[in-house]
Amino acid sequence: RLKPFNRLQVILQHLKMYKHIDSAAEVLLEKKGGAGIITLNRPKALNALNLSMIQQIYPQIKTWEQDPETFLIIIKGTGGKAFCAGGDIRAITDAGKVGDRLAQDFFREEYILNNAIGTCKKPYVALIDGITMGGGVGLSVHGHFRVATEKTLFAMPETAIGLFPDVGGGYFLPRLSGKIGYYLALTGCRLKGRDVLKAGIATHFVESEKLPDLEKDLIALKSASKENIADLLNSYHVQSKIDQEKKFVLDEHMEKINSLFSANSMEEIVKKLKQDGSPFAMKQLETINKMSPTSLKMTLRQLREGASMSLQDVLTMEYRLSQACMKGHDFYEGVRAVLIDKDQSPRWKPAALEEVSDEFVDSCFKPLGNNDLKL
C-alpha cells in the first residue's frame, strides 16, 4: 500500500494530467495533409474564446505560417450550434471589477491574434457554421475565406452590453457596402445564413452538411494556392441551393439604411429615424434606445475613423477603447443585465445620448503611452 504522502503525490499527478487534458481540449490543433486545423472545442460554452485558447492558437498560426509543409489553415467549431459565440465576457467582467490583469491581457492578446489572422501569409479558411458573434467574428472575418452555411447567425451585439464592436469591427464594418456596417454595429442586428454572404461578411455559402466533404477536399489539395482554394470553395458554393432564390433581408431597407445611418452624430441619427417615422425606422429607434448611450457614441466614432485606417491602427484604437470600457460603468452594468441577472434592463450612466460629452468620448480614444497595443 502507498504511504499517505505518496498517495497524495499520485493524486496530484493525476490532477495535473487532467488539468492538462482539459485546457488542451478547449482548442484542438492538428495537422492533416497540407492543412493546419484549429477546432474551437467548448461546445457547452458555444465555443466562446478565452485567454488560454488565444494563447494556444496564436503561436500555432505563426508556426504554420513558417512551415513549408503547411499550405492552408482551417478554423472551425464543434458541437453543431456555434462557430464561436464571442469572447469569454464573464471572465473579463470578473477580472475588470477587481483590477485583475486579465482585463488588459485578454483584449491585448485577442487583438494581436486578430492581426495575425488579418496578415496571415497562408490562406486562412473559416468555416462559420452556427453562431458567429463578437470574438468569433474576429477569428474569421479578417481571413481570406469565410464560409457561411444556412445555420450561420452573425451579429456584433456589443452596444447592448456597454462595449463596442471590437476585434477589428472598426476596420471591416465601415468597409461593407453603403452604411450596412454602421447599421449592424449600432443596432446589433442579426443576419442569418445566406444574408451573411450578401452583406459581404462571408465569401462563400455552403450547406452545413457538406462541410465535412469540403474539409476533406481542402486537406487533399496537392498545391493549395489561394486560387486553388477559391476554385474549390466556388465549386461547393455554386452547388448550394438552400435559400438561393431569397432576396437579401436588408434589400428593401438599403435606401433608408444608407440615408439614416450616414449622419455625423448619434443625436442626428436618432433625429433622422424619428423624422422618417416608417415602421422600419421606428423599430431601429426602439432598438437604439435600449443600447448604452456611451457605447453608441464610441462606436459611431470608431467606425467613422476606422473607415480610413489600416487594420493595425484600428486594433490599436480599439485597445484604447477596450481599456476605457474596463474603467467605466456601462460594461459591467450591461453584462449584469444581459448575461448575469438577465433582467434585460440595464441602468446606463449617463442614461441619455445628450449627457455623453464629446470630451468624454475624446478621452476614450487617447493613447495609453507604454500600455498602448504594439503590433
Foldseek 3Di string as FASTA:
>chain_A
DDDPVVVVVVVVVVVVVVVVCVLCQQWDWDAFAQETEIEREPVVQLSAAEDSSLVVPQVVLVVSLPDPSHQEYEYAYDDQAWRYQEHPLVVLLVCLVVVHCRLQVVLLSLLVSLVCQLPRPHQYEYEGAHEQEQSSLSNHQSGDAYEYEQRYKYWHQVLLQLAFRASLLLAVLLVFPANRSLLRGLLRDIDGACLCVVRPRGVAYAHPVCVVVLVVVCSPDPRDDVVVNVVSRVVRRVPDDPCPVPDNPCVVVRVVSNVLRPDPFPVSSLVSLVVVPDPVSVVSNVSNLSGALLRSRLHSVSNVVNHPDDSVVSSLQSSLLSVLSSPDDRNSQSCCCCPNVVVSRGCHVVNDNVPCDPVNSVNSRDHPVVSTRDD
